[in-house]
Structures are given as C-alpha cells and as structure tokens.
Amino acid sequence: MNSTRIPTDLKSKAWEFVSNNNMGQRHDFNGTKEQQYAGLVGENMIRKALGFEYSFEPGYDGGYDIMYEGTRIDVKTMTRSVDPKPHYVNNFVGYQKDLPCDMLVFCSINKKTGILWVCGFTTKSRLMKEAEFFEAGSIRKRDDGTTMKVEAPLYEISNEKLFPLVLFP
C-alpha cells in the first residue's frame, strides 16, 4: 500500500461538487454526501496519478470511473479514522456486479490525517471469486468483535488479497 496527502484544492472542489450534485444513480444504497465526497476524491486522486485531469461530471458514470488504455476502472474509496492495515476489508456493493467494469482500485482515506491510501487492485472477475459475500440484512462480525447489519448485498475483499498498485512514490 502507498499513500499521499490529498491536495486542499481537490478537497474543496469535490465538496462543492457533491454539495450541488447527487452522484448516486443506483436504484438503492447510493451513499451519503460524505461517502460520495470520498468516492470523488479517490477517483480524482487516481485520475491525476494516471496522468488525467480532475473530472467533476454529473450523472451516471456508466459503471466505471476511468478508461485507461482500454481498461474500465472503477475506483472504490472508503473513509477510516486510522491508516489501513493488510487485514482490513474493502467493500463492493452487489448492485454493481453486472455493470461494465474490468478492474477495481481500492483506496482508503484517513479522515484524521487527510491521507489517501491506495490499498491495491483486482479484476472484477477475480473479486467475484475471492471476496466474501454478505446478503442484505445479514449480520457481519468485525475484527473487534462488534457486528453490523449489512444494508445492501456486499462483497468484501481484504487488502492482503489485492494486487499492489504503486501510484505515489
């Protein structure tokens, strides 16, 4: 895993955009403004690392965020209050499993430090085989012994099962 500080200008632009646009286009489980903000920040950090400019486009993205050398990439970003660890999991909402996407890049944002971590990547087909699946409504037990009710069909894959992706020195 590798990390970098999120630029202040990106934070401002992303928050302004999600404050004025609803990014959620699924039939359910579209995320809060804060979750949409994290997703937009993660997507744009990966865009910039791949040589693209920031993008703030309203409406449906077609199931992926970035087209890079013919590969459709969906960037998945979650916030945490700590830096990610190898055994931490990344989420992929089951409602998206049939959308056109070739590769998933998973990122974490440490809310306390403003650091974005690139946790790694996998192909969507590999994710479907390697991830643990939870039905909506099921109870998932966390590492710390607490539980949570799964609100939507959910695939989870740990950082240690992802391929490394070094985008920031």
N, C-alpha and C. Protein backbone atom coordinates (compact mmCIF):
# COMPACT_ATOMS: atom_id res chain seq x y z
N MET A 1 0.85 -1.18 0.00
CA MET A 1 0.00 0.00 0.00
C MET A 1 0.89 1.23 0.00
N ASN A 2 0.43 2.26 -0.68
CA ASN A 2 1.16 3.52 -0.69
C ASN A 2 0.18 4.66 -0.49
N SER A 3 0.73 5.82 -0.13
CA SER A 3 -0.16 6.91 0.27
C SER A 3 0.38 8.27 -0.16
N THR A 4 -0.52 9.25 -0.12
CA THR A 4 -0.16 10.63 -0.41
C THR A 4 -1.20 11.55 0.21
N ARG A 5 -0.79 12.77 0.47
CA ARG A 5 -1.71 13.77 1.03
C ARG A 5 -2.68 14.22 -0.06
N ILE A 6 -3.93 14.42 0.31
CA ILE A 6 -4.95 14.90 -0.62
C ILE A 6 -4.81 16.42 -0.73
N PRO A 7 -4.64 16.95 -1.94
CA PRO A 7 -4.50 18.40 -2.10
C PRO A 7 -5.75 19.15 -1.63
N THR A 8 -5.52 20.29 -1.01
CA THR A 8 -6.61 21.12 -0.49
C THR A 8 -7.57 21.53 -1.59
N ASP A 9 -7.04 21.86 -2.78
CA ASP A 9 -7.92 22.30 -3.87
C ASP A 9 -8.86 21.18 -4.31
N LEU A 10 -8.39 19.93 -4.29
CA LEU A 10 -9.26 18.81 -4.65
C LEU A 10 -10.35 18.64 -3.60
N LYS A 11 -9.98 18.73 -2.33
CA LYS A 11 -10.98 18.62 -1.26
C LYS A 11 -12.09 19.65 -1.45
N SER A 12 -11.70 20.89 -1.72
CA SER A 12 -12.68 21.98 -1.89
C SER A 12 -13.57 21.75 -3.10
N LYS A 13 -12.95 21.41 -4.23
CA LYS A 13 -13.72 21.20 -5.47
C LYS A 13 -14.68 20.01 -5.33
N ALA A 14 -14.21 18.94 -4.71
CA ALA A 14 -15.04 17.74 -4.56
C ALA A 14 -16.22 18.02 -3.63
N TRP A 15 -15.98 18.73 -2.52
CA TRP A 15 -17.08 19.01 -1.59
C TRP A 15 -18.10 19.94 -2.24
N GLU A 16 -17.62 20.95 -2.96
CA GLU A 16 -18.55 21.86 -3.66
C GLU A 16 -19.39 21.08 -4.67
N PHE A 17 -18.76 20.16 -5.39
CA PHE A 17 -19.49 19.39 -6.40
C PHE A 17 -20.56 18.50 -5.77
N VAL A 18 -20.22 17.73 -4.75
CA VAL A 18 -21.22 16.83 -4.15
C VAL A 18 -22.30 17.60 -3.40
N SER A 19 -21.98 18.81 -2.96
CA SER A 19 -22.99 19.64 -2.30
C SER A 19 -24.05 20.12 -3.27
N ASN A 20 -23.69 20.19 -4.55
CA ASN A 20 -24.61 20.70 -5.57
C ASN A 20 -25.09 19.64 -6.55
N ASN A 21 -24.63 18.40 -6.41
CA ASN A 21 -25.00 17.33 -7.34
C ASN A 21 -25.20 16.03 -6.57
N ASN A 22 -26.19 15.23 -6.97
CA ASN A 22 -26.38 13.91 -6.39
C ASN A 22 -25.66 12.90 -7.27
N MET A 23 -24.59 12.33 -6.74
CA MET A 23 -23.79 11.36 -7.51
C MET A 23 -24.44 9.98 -7.55
N GLY A 24 -25.35 9.70 -6.63
CA GLY A 24 -25.96 8.38 -6.54
C GLY A 24 -26.94 8.12 -7.66
N GLN A 25 -26.69 7.10 -8.47
CA GLN A 25 -27.55 6.78 -9.61
C GLN A 25 -28.03 5.33 -9.60
N ARG A 26 -27.75 4.61 -8.49
CA ARG A 26 -28.25 3.23 -8.39
C ARG A 26 -29.69 3.26 -7.89
N HIS A 27 -30.37 2.13 -7.99
CA HIS A 27 -31.75 2.07 -7.52
C HIS A 27 -31.83 2.10 -5.99
N ASP A 28 -30.71 1.86 -5.32
CA ASP A 28 -30.70 1.85 -3.86
C ASP A 28 -29.26 1.97 -3.39
N PHE A 29 -29.08 2.36 -2.13
CA PHE A 29 -27.78 2.38 -1.49
C PHE A 29 -26.78 3.26 -2.24
N ASN A 30 -27.12 4.54 -2.39
CA ASN A 30 -26.31 5.48 -3.16
C ASN A 30 -25.27 6.23 -2.34
N GLY A 31 -25.27 6.05 -1.07
CA GLY A 31 -24.28 6.70 -0.23
C GLY A 31 -24.68 8.10 0.19
N THR A 32 -24.14 8.51 1.32
CA THR A 32 -24.36 9.85 1.84
C THR A 32 -23.49 10.84 1.06
N LYS A 33 -23.70 12.12 1.30
CA LYS A 33 -22.83 13.14 0.67
C LYS A 33 -21.37 12.89 1.04
N GLU A 34 -21.13 12.52 2.30
CA GLU A 34 -19.76 12.27 2.74
C GLU A 34 -19.14 11.07 2.01
N GLN A 35 -19.94 10.03 1.80
CA GLN A 35 -19.44 8.86 1.07
C GLN A 35 -19.22 9.20 -0.41
N GLN A 36 -20.11 9.99 -0.98
CA GLN A 36 -19.94 10.42 -2.37
C GLN A 36 -18.70 11.30 -2.50
N TYR A 37 -18.47 12.15 -1.51
CA TYR A 37 -17.27 13.00 -1.49
C TYR A 37 -16.01 12.14 -1.47
N ALA A 38 -15.97 11.15 -0.58
CA ALA A 38 -14.80 10.26 -0.51
C ALA A 38 -14.57 9.56 -1.84
N GLY A 39 -15.65 9.10 -2.47
CA GLY A 39 -15.53 8.44 -3.77
C GLY A 39 -14.98 9.36 -4.84
N LEU A 40 -15.44 10.60 -4.84
CA LEU A 40 -14.98 11.57 -5.84
C LEU A 40 -13.52 11.95 -5.61
N VAL A 41 -13.13 12.09 -4.35
CA VAL A 41 -11.72 12.38 -4.04
C VAL A 41 -10.84 11.20 -4.48
N GLY A 42 -11.22 9.98 -4.12
CA GLY A 42 -10.43 8.81 -4.51
C GLY A 42 -10.30 8.68 -6.01
N GLU A 43 -11.44 8.83 -6.70
CA GLU A 43 -11.42 8.75 -8.17
C GLU A 43 -10.47 9.78 -8.76
N ASN A 44 -10.53 11.01 -8.29
CA ASN A 44 -9.70 12.06 -8.86
C ASN A 44 -8.23 11.94 -8.48
N MET A 45 -7.93 11.38 -7.33
CA MET A 45 -6.54 11.12 -6.98
C MET A 45 -5.95 10.07 -7.92
N ILE A 46 -6.71 9.04 -8.24
CA ILE A 46 -6.24 8.02 -9.17
C ILE A 46 -6.14 8.60 -10.58
N ARG A 47 -7.12 9.40 -10.98
CA ARG A 47 -7.06 10.08 -12.29
C ARG A 47 -5.75 10.84 -12.44
N LYS A 48 -5.45 11.66 -11.45
CA LYS A 48 -4.25 12.50 -11.51
C LYS A 48 -2.99 11.63 -11.57
N ALA A 49 -2.95 10.56 -10.79
CA ALA A 49 -1.78 9.67 -10.79
C ALA A 49 -1.58 8.99 -12.14
N LEU A 50 -2.67 8.79 -12.89
CA LEU A 50 -2.59 8.16 -14.22
C LEU A 50 -2.37 9.18 -15.33
N GLY A 51 -2.26 10.46 -14.98
CA GLY A 51 -1.97 11.49 -15.98
C GLY A 51 -3.17 12.24 -16.50
N PHE A 52 -4.34 12.04 -15.91
CA PHE A 52 -5.55 12.75 -16.32
C PHE A 52 -5.78 13.96 -15.43
N GLU A 53 -6.63 14.85 -15.90
CA GLU A 53 -7.06 15.99 -15.09
C GLU A 53 -8.20 15.54 -14.18
N TYR A 54 -8.48 16.35 -13.16
CA TYR A 54 -9.65 16.09 -12.32
C TYR A 54 -10.89 16.13 -13.18
N SER A 55 -11.90 15.37 -12.80
CA SER A 55 -13.18 15.34 -13.53
C SER A 55 -14.33 15.42 -12.53
N PHE A 56 -15.24 16.33 -12.80
CA PHE A 56 -16.43 16.50 -11.98
C PHE A 56 -17.63 16.53 -12.90
N GLU A 57 -18.13 15.34 -13.24
CA GLU A 57 -19.23 15.22 -14.18
C GLU A 57 -20.48 14.72 -13.47
N PRO A 58 -21.59 15.44 -13.62
CA PRO A 58 -22.83 14.95 -13.01
C PRO A 58 -23.41 13.79 -13.82
N GLY A 59 -24.29 13.03 -13.20
CA GLY A 59 -24.98 11.95 -13.91
C GLY A 59 -24.28 10.62 -13.78
N TYR A 60 -24.86 9.64 -14.42
CA TYR A 60 -24.41 8.26 -14.36
C TYR A 60 -23.07 8.09 -15.06
N ASP A 61 -22.16 7.35 -14.43
CA ASP A 61 -20.81 7.17 -15.00
C ASP A 61 -20.67 5.94 -15.88
N GLY A 62 -21.75 5.18 -16.07
CA GLY A 62 -21.68 4.01 -16.93
C GLY A 62 -21.15 2.76 -16.24
N GLY A 63 -20.86 2.84 -14.94
CA GLY A 63 -20.38 1.68 -14.21
C GLY A 63 -18.89 1.67 -13.94
N TYR A 64 -18.18 2.66 -14.46
CA TYR A 64 -16.74 2.77 -14.19
C TYR A 64 -16.36 4.24 -14.17
N ASP A 65 -15.20 4.53 -13.58
CA ASP A 65 -14.76 5.91 -13.39
C ASP A 65 -13.75 6.38 -14.42
N ILE A 66 -12.86 5.49 -14.83
CA ILE A 66 -11.73 5.87 -15.68
C ILE A 66 -11.54 4.82 -16.77
N MET A 67 -11.34 5.28 -17.99
CA MET A 67 -10.93 4.39 -19.09
C MET A 67 -9.43 4.63 -19.27
N TYR A 68 -8.63 3.60 -19.03
CA TYR A 68 -7.19 3.73 -19.13
C TYR A 68 -6.64 2.61 -20.00
N GLU A 69 -6.11 2.98 -21.15
CA GLU A 69 -5.54 2.03 -22.10
C GLU A 69 -6.49 0.86 -22.37
N GLY A 70 -7.77 1.19 -22.56
CA GLY A 70 -8.77 0.19 -22.89
C GLY A 70 -9.35 -0.57 -21.71
N THR A 71 -8.90 -0.25 -20.51
CA THR A 71 -9.39 -0.91 -19.30
C THR A 71 -10.35 0.01 -18.55
N ARG A 72 -11.53 -0.51 -18.23
CA ARG A 72 -12.53 0.26 -17.48
C ARG A 72 -12.27 0.06 -15.99
N ILE A 73 -11.91 1.15 -15.33
CA ILE A 73 -11.51 1.11 -13.92
C ILE A 73 -12.57 1.78 -13.06
N ASP A 74 -12.99 1.09 -12.02
CA ASP A 74 -13.88 1.67 -11.02
C ASP A 74 -13.07 1.84 -9.74
N VAL A 75 -13.02 3.06 -9.22
CA VAL A 75 -12.27 3.35 -8.01
C VAL A 75 -13.23 3.32 -6.82
N LYS A 76 -12.91 2.54 -5.82
CA LYS A 76 -13.73 2.39 -4.62
C LYS A 76 -12.96 2.96 -3.44
N THR A 77 -13.55 3.94 -2.79
CA THR A 77 -12.86 4.63 -1.70
C THR A 77 -13.73 4.65 -0.46
N MET A 78 -13.13 4.33 0.67
CA MET A 78 -13.85 4.44 1.95
C MET A 78 -13.03 5.29 2.90
N THR A 79 -13.71 5.88 3.87
CA THR A 79 -13.01 6.66 4.88
C THR A 79 -12.84 5.81 6.14
N ARG A 80 -11.77 6.12 6.84
CA ARG A 80 -11.46 5.45 8.11
C ARG A 80 -10.88 6.51 9.05
N SER A 81 -10.80 6.18 10.31
CA SER A 81 -10.17 7.10 11.26
C SER A 81 -8.74 6.68 11.57
N VAL A 82 -8.27 5.63 10.88
CA VAL A 82 -6.90 5.12 11.03
C VAL A 82 -6.36 4.76 9.65
N ASP A 83 -5.06 4.54 9.58
CA ASP A 83 -4.46 4.05 8.33
C ASP A 83 -4.89 2.60 8.12
N PRO A 84 -5.08 2.19 6.86
CA PRO A 84 -5.50 0.81 6.60
C PRO A 84 -4.39 -0.19 6.94
N LYS A 85 -4.81 -1.37 7.28
CA LYS A 85 -3.88 -2.47 7.57
C LYS A 85 -4.16 -3.60 6.57
N PRO A 86 -3.20 -4.52 6.40
CA PRO A 86 -3.38 -5.58 5.40
C PRO A 86 -4.65 -6.41 5.57
N HIS A 87 -5.10 -6.64 6.79
CA HIS A 87 -6.28 -7.48 7.00
C HIS A 87 -7.60 -6.71 6.89
N TYR A 88 -7.55 -5.38 6.76
CA TYR A 88 -8.78 -4.59 6.61
C TYR A 88 -9.45 -4.94 5.29
N VAL A 89 -10.77 -4.81 5.26
CA VAL A 89 -11.52 -5.16 4.05
C VAL A 89 -11.98 -3.93 3.29
N ASN A 90 -12.21 -4.16 2.00
CA ASN A 90 -12.78 -3.17 1.08
C ASN A 90 -14.13 -3.69 0.63
N ASN A 91 -15.04 -2.76 0.37
CA ASN A 91 -16.41 -3.12 0.02
C ASN A 91 -16.71 -2.89 -1.45
N PHE A 92 -17.51 -3.79 -1.99
CA PHE A 92 -18.06 -3.64 -3.33
C PHE A 92 -19.54 -3.99 -3.22
N VAL A 93 -20.40 -3.01 -3.50
CA VAL A 93 -21.84 -3.20 -3.36
C VAL A 93 -22.34 -4.10 -4.49
N GLY A 94 -23.08 -5.14 -4.11
CA GLY A 94 -23.56 -6.14 -5.07
C GLY A 94 -24.42 -5.58 -6.18
N TYR A 95 -25.07 -4.44 -5.95
CA TYR A 95 -25.89 -3.84 -7.00
C TYR A 95 -25.06 -3.47 -8.23
N GLN A 96 -23.74 -3.40 -8.08
CA GLN A 96 -22.86 -3.00 -9.18
C GLN A 96 -22.21 -4.18 -9.90
N LYS A 97 -22.51 -5.39 -9.49
CA LYS A 97 -21.77 -6.54 -10.04
C LYS A 97 -21.97 -6.76 -11.53
N ASP A 98 -23.09 -6.32 -12.08
CA ASP A 98 -23.34 -6.52 -13.51
C ASP A 98 -23.01 -5.30 -14.37
N LEU A 99 -22.48 -4.25 -13.75
CA LEU A 99 -22.11 -3.06 -14.52
C LEU A 99 -20.78 -3.30 -15.23
N PRO A 100 -20.58 -2.63 -16.37
CA PRO A 100 -19.34 -2.84 -17.13
C PRO A 100 -18.12 -2.22 -16.44
N CYS A 101 -17.25 -3.08 -15.98
CA CYS A 101 -16.04 -2.66 -15.29
C CYS A 101 -15.05 -3.82 -15.38
N ASP A 102 -13.80 -3.50 -15.66
CA ASP A 102 -12.78 -4.54 -15.78
C ASP A 102 -11.92 -4.68 -14.52
N MET A 103 -11.64 -3.54 -13.90
CA MET A 103 -10.71 -3.50 -12.78
C MET A 103 -11.26 -2.61 -11.68
N LEU A 104 -10.97 -2.99 -10.45
CA LEU A 104 -11.34 -2.19 -9.28
C LEU A 104 -10.08 -1.78 -8.55
N VAL A 105 -9.97 -0.48 -8.27
CA VAL A 105 -8.88 0.05 -7.46
C VAL A 105 -9.49 0.45 -6.12
N PHE A 106 -8.94 -0.06 -5.03
CA PHE A 106 -9.48 0.23 -3.70
C PHE A 106 -8.58 1.21 -2.96
N CYS A 107 -9.21 2.25 -2.41
CA CYS A 107 -8.50 3.28 -1.67
C CYS A 107 -9.15 3.50 -0.32
N SER A 108 -8.37 4.02 0.62
CA SER A 108 -8.88 4.43 1.93
C SER A 108 -8.39 5.83 2.21
N ILE A 109 -9.25 6.64 2.80
CA ILE A 109 -8.87 7.98 3.23
C ILE A 109 -8.87 7.98 4.76
N ASN A 110 -7.74 8.37 5.33
CA ASN A 110 -7.68 8.58 6.77
C ASN A 110 -8.24 9.98 7.04
N LYS A 111 -9.41 10.05 7.65
CA LYS A 111 -10.10 11.32 7.88
C LYS A 111 -9.32 12.23 8.82
N LYS A 112 -8.54 11.66 9.71
CA LYS A 112 -7.80 12.47 10.68
C LYS A 112 -6.57 13.14 10.07
N THR A 113 -5.95 12.46 9.10
CA THR A 113 -4.70 12.98 8.54
C THR A 113 -4.84 13.57 7.14
N GLY A 114 -5.96 13.29 6.46
CA GLY A 114 -6.12 13.77 5.08
C GLY A 114 -5.23 13.03 4.10
N ILE A 115 -4.88 11.80 4.43
CA ILE A 115 -4.02 10.98 3.57
C ILE A 115 -4.88 9.95 2.83
N LEU A 116 -4.65 9.83 1.53
CA LEU A 116 -5.29 8.80 0.72
C LEU A 116 -4.31 7.64 0.58
N TRP A 117 -4.80 6.44 0.85
CA TRP A 117 -4.03 5.22 0.70
C TRP A 117 -4.55 4.44 -0.49
N VAL A 118 -3.66 4.02 -1.38
CA VAL A 118 -4.03 3.09 -2.45
C VAL A 118 -3.77 1.71 -1.88
N CYS A 119 -4.86 0.98 -1.63
CA CYS A 119 -4.76 -0.34 -0.99
C CYS A 119 -4.37 -1.43 -1.97
N GLY A 120 -4.74 -1.26 -3.25
CA GLY A 120 -4.42 -2.23 -4.28
C GLY A 120 -5.53 -2.34 -5.30
N PHE A 121 -5.41 -3.34 -6.18
CA PHE A 121 -6.42 -3.52 -7.22
C PHE A 121 -6.67 -5.00 -7.46
N THR A 122 -7.77 -5.27 -8.15
CA THR A 122 -8.09 -6.61 -8.61
C THR A 122 -9.01 -6.48 -9.81
N THR A 123 -9.14 -7.55 -10.56
CA THR A 123 -10.12 -7.55 -11.64
C THR A 123 -11.50 -7.83 -11.03
N LYS A 124 -12.53 -7.41 -11.74
CA LYS A 124 -13.87 -7.67 -11.21
C LYS A 124 -14.16 -9.17 -11.18
N SER A 125 -13.73 -9.90 -12.19
CA SER A 125 -13.98 -11.35 -12.19
C SER A 125 -13.28 -12.03 -11.02
N ARG A 126 -12.09 -11.61 -10.69
CA ARG A 126 -11.36 -12.18 -9.55
C ARG A 126 -12.04 -11.80 -8.23
N LEU A 127 -12.52 -10.57 -8.15
CA LEU A 127 -13.23 -10.13 -6.95
C LEU A 127 -14.43 -11.03 -6.67
N MET A 128 -15.18 -11.37 -7.73
CA MET A 128 -16.37 -12.21 -7.55
C MET A 128 -16.01 -13.59 -7.01
N LYS A 129 -14.78 -14.06 -7.30
CA LYS A 129 -14.34 -15.38 -6.83
C LYS A 129 -13.70 -15.31 -5.44
N GLU A 130 -12.94 -14.25 -5.18
CA GLU A 130 -12.13 -14.15 -3.96
C GLU A 130 -12.83 -13.49 -2.78
N ALA A 131 -13.79 -12.63 -3.06
CA ALA A 131 -14.42 -11.84 -1.99
C ALA A 131 -15.41 -12.67 -1.18
N GLU A 132 -15.60 -12.26 0.05
CA GLU A 132 -16.65 -12.86 0.88
C GLU A 132 -17.94 -12.10 0.61
N PHE A 133 -19.05 -12.82 0.42
CA PHE A 133 -20.33 -12.19 0.08
C PHE A 133 -21.27 -12.21 1.28
N PHE A 134 -21.96 -11.09 1.47
CA PHE A 134 -22.96 -10.96 2.53
C PHE A 134 -24.27 -10.50 1.90
N GLU A 135 -25.34 -11.23 2.17
CA GLU A 135 -26.68 -10.83 1.70
C GLU A 135 -27.13 -9.58 2.46
N ALA A 136 -27.94 -8.75 1.82
CA ALA A 136 -28.55 -7.61 2.50
C ALA A 136 -29.35 -8.13 3.69
N GLY A 137 -29.21 -7.47 4.82
CA GLY A 137 -29.92 -7.87 6.02
C GLY A 137 -29.16 -8.83 6.91
N SER A 138 -28.07 -9.40 6.40
CA SER A 138 -27.29 -10.33 7.22
C SER A 138 -26.45 -9.55 8.24
N ILE A 139 -25.97 -10.26 9.22
CA ILE A 139 -25.14 -9.66 10.27
C ILE A 139 -23.69 -10.05 10.01
N ARG A 140 -22.83 -9.04 9.96
CA ARG A 140 -21.41 -9.26 9.70
C ARG A 140 -20.62 -8.95 10.97
N LYS A 141 -19.75 -9.86 11.36
CA LYS A 141 -18.92 -9.66 12.55
C LYS A 141 -17.61 -9.00 12.14
N ARG A 142 -17.25 -7.94 12.85
CA ARG A 142 -16.00 -7.22 12.58
C ARG A 142 -14.85 -7.81 13.40
N ASP A 143 -13.63 -7.40 13.03
CA ASP A 143 -12.41 -7.82 13.73
C ASP A 143 -12.47 -7.57 15.23
N ASP A 144 -13.02 -6.42 15.60
CA ASP A 144 -13.01 -6.02 17.00
C ASP A 144 -14.13 -6.67 17.82
N GLY A 145 -14.87 -7.58 17.19
CA GLY A 145 -15.94 -8.28 17.89
C GLY A 145 -17.31 -7.65 17.77
N THR A 146 -17.37 -6.41 17.27
CA THR A 146 -18.67 -5.76 17.07
C THR A 146 -19.32 -6.33 15.82
N THR A 147 -20.61 -6.08 15.68
CA THR A 147 -21.33 -6.55 14.50
C THR A 147 -22.01 -5.39 13.80
N MET A 148 -22.36 -5.61 12.56
CA MET A 148 -23.12 -4.61 11.80
C MET A 148 -24.10 -5.34 10.91
N LYS A 149 -25.24 -4.70 10.69
CA LYS A 149 -26.22 -5.25 9.76
C LYS A 149 -25.86 -4.75 8.36
N VAL A 150 -25.76 -5.66 7.43
CA VAL A 150 -25.40 -5.32 6.05
C VAL A 150 -26.65 -4.74 5.37
N GLU A 151 -26.54 -3.51 4.88
CA GLU A 151 -27.68 -2.79 4.32
C GLU A 151 -27.97 -3.12 2.86
N ALA A 152 -26.97 -3.62 2.15
CA ALA A 152 -27.11 -3.96 0.73
C ALA A 152 -26.28 -5.21 0.47
N PRO A 153 -26.55 -5.94 -0.62
CA PRO A 153 -25.68 -7.08 -0.94
C PRO A 153 -24.23 -6.58 -1.01
N LEU A 154 -23.33 -7.29 -0.38
CA LEU A 154 -21.99 -6.74 -0.20
C LEU A 154 -20.91 -7.80 -0.41
N TYR A 155 -19.90 -7.44 -1.19
CA TYR A 155 -18.70 -8.24 -1.36
C TYR A 155 -17.59 -7.55 -0.59
N GLU A 156 -16.81 -8.32 0.16
CA GLU A 156 -15.68 -7.78 0.90
C GLU A 156 -14.42 -8.53 0.52
N ILE A 157 -13.36 -7.75 0.28
CA ILE A 157 -12.06 -8.35 -0.02
C ILE A 157 -11.01 -7.63 0.80
N SER A 158 -10.12 -8.39 1.42
CA SER A 158 -9.10 -7.78 2.27
C SER A 158 -7.97 -7.20 1.43
N ASN A 159 -7.28 -6.24 2.02
CA ASN A 159 -6.15 -5.61 1.33
C ASN A 159 -5.09 -6.64 0.95
N GLU A 160 -4.89 -7.65 1.79
CA GLU A 160 -3.85 -8.65 1.50
C GLU A 160 -4.19 -9.53 0.31
N LYS A 161 -5.43 -9.52 -0.15
CA LYS A 161 -5.82 -10.28 -1.35
C LYS A 161 -5.74 -9.43 -2.62
N LEU A 162 -5.43 -8.15 -2.48
CA LEU A 162 -5.34 -7.26 -3.64
C LEU A 162 -3.94 -7.30 -4.23
N PHE A 163 -3.85 -6.97 -5.51
CA PHE A 163 -2.55 -6.80 -6.16
C PHE A 163 -2.02 -5.42 -5.80
N PRO A 164 -0.71 -5.29 -5.55
CA PRO A 164 -0.17 -3.98 -5.21
C PRO A 164 -0.25 -3.02 -6.40
N LEU A 165 -0.44 -1.77 -6.09
CA LEU A 165 -0.51 -0.72 -7.12
C LEU A 165 0.20 0.50 -6.56
N VAL A 166 1.41 0.75 -7.02
CA VAL A 166 2.18 1.88 -6.52
C VAL A 166 2.00 3.05 -7.47
N LEU A 167 1.23 4.04 -7.02
CA LEU A 167 0.96 5.22 -7.84
C LEU A 167 1.62 6.47 -7.27
N PHE A 168 1.97 6.43 -6.00
CA PHE A 168 2.57 7.59 -5.35
C PHE A 168 3.90 7.17 -4.73
N PRO A 169 4.98 7.88 -5.07
CA PRO A 169 6.29 7.50 -4.54
C PRO A 169 6.39 7.67 -3.03
